Amino acid sequence: MKKDPFADLGGLDQQLFRENPIRAEASVYERARKRVNEQASARASESSSELSDEPTIEPSLEPSKQRTLEATRTRVSTLRGDLPRPRPKERHSHDLFRDQTLWMNKLKLEIEEKYGRRVTGNEIVQTAIELLRADYTAHKNDSTLIRVLVKREVLEESGGGAGREAEAA
């Protein structure tokens, strides 16, 4: 009878497969936690250098700028309705043209590099909708929305706009 070539391993190979992913996952988590804590420490040291020596009498209602990976509780004053509530968000899916998505991704990178603040695609789209809303409120029939969607004018700056899609169909 032949001897099993794997009999002498004693399960050592299985231990290799079991331990490495856990170590890798822990190291990724540790690096992320260290990076967040370093950023928070840097922000805290910046803001502490600007503070005066006088103690504050009332705690601030402003949210802390320091980020942690720990869950936070909702403030009691918010639950009681003392602070203005944020606008409720709804999830929607809307189709974007490829060039719009590429432009938005480039814009996010440019803003982060130039101003040091990360913005999301949602923030950009929400801002665009607010600008269109204000334009429509102020100009009604001469607003960008009416000119592009109803009168089918092509926006020179954007290379087309939503009006082109309807004409192509």
Protein backbone atom coordinates (compact mmCIF):
# COMPACT_ATOMS: atom_id res chain seq x y z
CA MET A 1 0.00 0.00 0.00
CA LYS A 2 1.29 3.48 -0.88
CA LYS A 3 2.05 6.00 1.81
CA ASP A 4 -0.08 9.17 1.69
CA PRO A 5 2.26 12.08 0.75
CA PHE A 6 0.16 14.52 2.81
CA ALA A 7 0.01 12.46 5.99
CA ASP A 8 3.08 14.12 7.56
CA LEU A 9 1.78 17.68 7.12
CA GLY A 10 -0.58 17.40 10.06
CA GLY A 11 -2.88 20.23 8.92
CA LEU A 12 -0.13 22.89 8.78
CA ASP A 13 -1.17 23.94 5.30
CA GLN A 14 -4.70 24.60 6.49
CA GLN A 15 -3.42 26.84 9.28
CA LEU A 16 -1.66 28.99 6.68
CA PHE A 17 -4.90 29.54 4.82
CA ARG A 18 -6.79 30.33 8.01
CA GLU A 19 -4.41 32.84 9.63
CA ASN A 20 -3.28 35.06 6.74
CA PRO A 21 -6.64 36.60 5.77
CA ILE A 22 -7.33 37.46 9.40
CA ARG A 23 -3.93 39.11 9.81
CA ALA A 24 -4.31 40.99 6.51
CA GLU A 25 -7.78 42.19 7.46
CA ALA A 26 -6.61 43.31 10.89
CA SER A 27 -3.63 45.16 9.43
CA VAL A 28 -5.85 47.00 6.94
CA TYR A 29 -8.22 47.94 9.76
CA GLU A 30 -5.32 49.08 11.94
CA ARG A 31 -3.85 51.22 9.15
CA ALA A 32 -7.22 52.84 8.47
CA ARG A 33 -7.77 53.49 12.18
CA LYS A 34 -4.29 55.01 12.55
CA ARG A 35 -4.85 57.26 9.51
CA VAL A 36 -8.22 58.48 10.83
CA ASN A 37 -6.77 59.08 14.30
CA GLU A 38 -3.77 60.98 12.85
CA GLN A 39 -6.09 63.19 10.82
CA ALA A 40 -8.27 63.79 13.85
CA SER A 41 -5.23 64.63 15.97
CA ALA A 42 -3.99 67.06 13.35
CA ARG A 43 -7.40 68.76 13.22
CA ALA A 44 -7.60 68.88 17.00
CA SER A 45 -4.15 70.44 17.29
CA GLU A 46 -5.05 73.03 14.63
CA SER A 47 -8.26 74.00 16.38
CA SER A 48 -6.69 73.98 19.87
CA SER A 49 -4.03 76.48 18.79
CA GLU A 50 -6.82 78.86 17.78
CA LEU A 51 -8.70 78.59 21.10
CA SER A 52 -8.39 81.12 23.86
CA ASP A 53 -7.37 80.26 27.44
CA GLU A 54 -10.81 81.09 28.83
CA PRO A 55 -13.02 78.06 29.53
CA THR A 56 -16.34 77.88 27.74
CA ILE A 57 -19.45 78.02 29.90
CA GLU A 58 -21.85 76.11 27.64
CA PRO A 59 -20.98 73.07 25.55
CA SER A 60 -21.03 73.64 21.82
CA LEU A 61 -24.02 72.42 19.83
CA GLU A 62 -21.79 72.11 16.76
CA PRO A 63 -20.82 68.55 15.82
CA SER A 64 -17.24 67.61 16.58
CA LYS A 65 -14.78 67.84 13.69
CA GLN A 66 -12.86 64.89 15.08
CA ARG A 67 -13.76 61.64 13.34
CA THR A 68 -13.55 58.24 14.93
CA LEU A 69 -14.55 54.76 13.87
CA GLU A 70 -16.87 54.43 16.86
CA ALA A 71 -20.63 54.82 16.59
CA THR A 72 -22.06 58.01 18.06
CA ARG A 73 -25.37 58.64 19.74
CA THR A 74 -27.93 61.16 18.55
CA ARG A 75 -28.00 64.26 20.75
CA VAL A 76 -30.96 64.47 23.11
CA SER A 77 -31.63 68.07 22.05
CA THR A 78 -32.01 66.86 18.47
CA LEU A 79 -34.51 64.25 19.57
CA ARG A 80 -36.51 66.90 21.43
CA GLY A 81 -36.65 69.09 18.33
CA ASP A 82 -34.54 71.96 19.71
CA LEU A 83 -32.27 71.98 16.67
CA PRO A 84 -33.43 72.28 13.08
CA ARG A 85 -33.78 68.90 11.49
CA PRO A 86 -31.78 68.14 8.35
CA ARG A 87 -33.68 67.68 5.13
CA PRO A 88 -34.70 64.05 4.74
CA LYS A 89 -32.87 62.21 1.99
CA GLU A 90 -34.42 59.81 -0.49
CA ARG A 91 -32.61 57.35 -2.69
CA HIS A 92 -33.26 57.62 -6.43
CA SER A 93 -31.49 56.25 -9.44
CA HIS A 94 -31.13 58.52 -12.43
CA ASP A 95 -29.26 57.87 -15.63
CA LEU A 96 -26.26 60.07 -16.41
CA PHE A 97 -24.38 60.37 -19.65
CA ARG A 98 -20.89 58.88 -19.63
CA ASP A 99 -19.26 62.27 -20.21
CA GLN A 100 -21.18 63.71 -17.26
CA THR A 101 -19.94 60.92 -14.99
CA LEU A 102 -16.35 61.33 -16.18
CA TRP A 103 -16.53 65.11 -15.67
CA MET A 104 -17.97 64.66 -12.19
CA ASN A 105 -15.21 62.20 -11.22
CA LYS A 106 -12.53 64.61 -12.50
CA LEU A 107 -14.21 67.45 -10.60
CA LYS A 108 -14.19 65.46 -7.35
CA LEU A 109 -10.44 64.82 -7.71
CA GLU A 110 -9.75 68.45 -8.62
CA ILE A 111 -11.67 69.76 -5.61
CA GLU A 112 -9.87 67.35 -3.28
CA GLU A 113 -6.44 68.28 -4.67
CA LYS A 114 -7.09 72.01 -4.82
CA TYR A 115 -9.14 72.57 -1.64
CA GLY A 116 -8.35 69.51 0.48
CA ARG A 117 -11.99 68.48 0.89
CA ARG A 118 -13.55 65.33 -0.46
CA VAL A 119 -16.91 65.77 -2.11
CA THR A 120 -19.25 63.07 -3.29
CA GLY A 121 -21.12 62.71 -6.53
CA ASN A 122 -24.34 63.02 -4.54
CA GLU A 123 -23.25 66.41 -3.19
CA ILE A 124 -22.48 67.62 -6.71
CA VAL A 125 -25.83 66.44 -8.06
CA GLN A 126 -27.72 67.91 -5.08
CA THR A 127 -25.96 71.26 -5.61
CA ALA A 128 -26.77 71.20 -9.33
CA ILE A 129 -30.44 70.55 -8.57
CA GLU A 130 -30.50 73.43 -6.07
CA LEU A 131 -28.96 75.75 -8.69
CA LEU A 132 -31.53 74.67 -11.31
CA ARG A 133 -34.29 75.10 -8.74
CA ALA A 134 -33.16 78.65 -7.90
CA ASP A 135 -32.83 79.49 -11.61
CA TYR A 136 -36.34 78.21 -12.34
CA THR A 137 -37.80 80.09 -9.36
CA ALA A 138 -36.16 83.32 -10.49
CA HIS A 139 -36.65 83.10 -14.26
CA LYS A 140 -39.57 80.67 -14.87
CA ASN A 141 -40.05 80.60 -18.70
CA ASP A 142 -36.52 81.84 -19.36
CA SER A 143 -34.89 79.35 -16.98
CA THR A 144 -32.32 76.83 -18.12
CA LEU A 145 -34.72 73.94 -17.48
CA ILE A 146 -37.42 75.37 -19.75
CA ARG A 147 -34.97 76.43 -22.46
CA VAL A 148 -33.36 72.96 -22.63
CA LEU A 149 -36.23 70.60 -21.85
CA VAL A 150 -39.19 72.43 -23.41
CA LYS A 151 -37.75 74.74 -26.07
CA ARG A 152 -35.02 72.18 -26.94
CA GLU A 153 -32.20 74.73 -26.93
CA VAL A 154 -28.74 73.19 -26.86
CA LEU A 155 -26.44 74.41 -24.12
CA GLU A 156 -23.18 75.47 -25.73
CA GLU A 157 -21.11 74.93 -22.56
CA SER A 158 -22.15 71.33 -21.98
CA GLY A 159 -22.09 69.93 -25.49
CA GLY A 160 -25.71 68.92 -25.57
CA GLY A 161 -27.69 68.41 -22.43
CA ALA A 162 -30.89 66.49 -21.84
CA GLY A 163 -32.57 67.89 -24.95
CA ARG A 164 -30.34 65.87 -27.30
CA GLU A 165 -31.51 62.57 -25.88
CA ALA A 166 -35.16 63.25 -26.76
CA GLU A 167 -34.28 64.45 -30.27
CA ALA A 168 -32.22 61.31 -30.96
CA ALA A 169 -35.08 59.02 -29.92
